[in-house]
Amino acid sequence: MIEVAKESKHLLAMIVAILVLLMLLSVIFYKFVEVYQAMKYEGKERVKVVYTTEVLAFVIFAISLLTLLSPVAFDFLKGIS
């Protein structure tokens, strides 16, 4: 797949997609650790507030999903095989 991307114009798009997914995973992992730490050490209930990072993670996920489901992506995947 990388060889095909090197010969086409999609190498930069692949690198950007991988970096965006890594950023999304890092935000999700950070929030998971924060929630786990709060459950383990605080032991009290608190009102849930939506933070900017959660909204940003959802926006990044939506953009990635729409990009991967676009017809251009399907044409590129058909060209690989």
Protein backbone atom coordinates (compact mmCIF):
# COMPACT_ATOMS: atom_id res chain seq x y z
CA MET A 1 0.00 0.00 0.00
CA ILE A 2 2.87 2.35 0.78
CA GLU A 3 4.50 1.60 -2.59
CA VAL A 4 1.25 2.54 -4.37
CA ALA A 5 1.01 5.74 -2.32
CA LYS A 6 4.60 6.70 -3.18
CA GLU A 7 3.80 6.48 -6.86
CA SER A 8 0.59 8.49 -6.54
CA LYS A 9 -0.43 11.74 -4.88
CA HIS A 10 -1.86 10.00 -1.81
CA LEU A 11 1.24 9.64 0.38
CA LEU A 12 0.63 12.97 2.12
CA ALA A 13 -3.04 12.09 2.63
CA MET A 14 -2.07 8.77 4.21
CA ILE A 15 0.39 10.45 6.57
CA VAL A 16 -2.16 13.09 7.57
CA ALA A 17 -4.85 10.44 8.15
CA ILE A 18 -2.52 8.41 10.36
CA LEU A 19 -1.53 11.50 12.38
CA VAL A 20 -5.18 12.54 12.81
CA LEU A 21 -6.12 9.07 14.03
CA LEU A 22 -3.17 9.05 16.43
CA MET A 23 -4.29 12.42 17.82
CA LEU A 24 -7.82 11.11 18.23
CA LEU A 25 -6.58 8.01 20.04
CA SER A 26 -4.38 10.08 22.32
CA VAL A 27 -7.33 12.30 23.33
CA ILE A 28 -9.51 9.25 23.96
CA PHE A 29 -6.79 7.56 26.01
CA TYR A 30 -6.16 10.73 28.00
CA LYS A 31 -9.84 11.07 28.86
CA PHE A 32 -10.04 7.36 29.77
CA VAL A 33 -7.15 7.70 32.21
CA GLU A 34 -8.69 10.85 33.68
CA VAL A 35 -12.04 9.14 34.26
CA TYR A 36 -10.38 6.06 35.71
CA GLN A 37 -8.28 8.16 38.10
CA ALA A 38 -11.37 10.10 39.18
CA MET A 39 -13.30 6.88 39.88
CA LYS A 40 -10.43 5.30 41.77
CA TYR A 41 -9.26 8.18 43.95
CA GLU A 42 -12.11 10.63 44.35
CA GLY A 43 -15.02 8.29 45.04
CA LYS A 44 -17.67 10.97 44.83
CA GLU A 45 -20.20 11.79 42.13
CA ARG A 46 -19.88 14.95 40.16
CA VAL A 47 -21.82 16.63 37.40
CA LYS A 48 -20.50 15.83 33.95
CA VAL A 49 -19.30 18.82 31.98
CA VAL A 50 -18.53 18.54 28.27
CA TYR A 51 -15.01 19.77 27.64
CA THR A 52 -13.54 21.21 24.47
CA THR A 53 -11.30 18.16 24.00
CA GLU A 54 -14.30 15.85 23.87
CA VAL A 55 -16.00 17.97 21.24
CA LEU A 56 -12.73 18.20 19.31
CA ALA A 57 -12.32 14.40 19.44
CA PHE A 58 -15.84 13.94 18.07
CA VAL A 59 -15.22 16.44 15.27
CA ILE A 60 -11.95 14.73 14.31
CA PHE A 61 -13.70 11.35 14.33
CA ALA A 62 -16.55 12.66 12.15
CA ILE A 63 -14.16 14.22 9.64
CA SER A 64 -12.07 11.03 9.49
CA LEU A 65 -15.17 8.90 9.01
CA LEU A 66 -16.54 11.12 6.25
CA THR A 67 -13.16 11.16 4.53
CA LEU A 68 -12.85 7.39 4.65
CA LEU A 69 -16.40 6.90 3.35
CA SER A 70 -16.03 9.33 0.45
CA PRO A 71 -16.19 7.97 -3.11
CA VAL A 72 -12.61 9.11 -3.75
CA ALA A 73 -11.38 6.84 -0.95
CA PHE A 74 -13.27 3.88 -2.40
CA ASP A 75 -11.80 4.55 -5.85
CA PHE A 76 -8.33 4.66 -4.31
CA LEU A 77 -8.91 1.36 -2.49
CA LYS A 78 -10.16 -0.26 -5.71
CA GLY A 79 -7.00 0.95 -7.45
CA ILE A 80 -4.82 -0.77 -4.84
CA SER A 81 -6.21 -4.21 -5.53
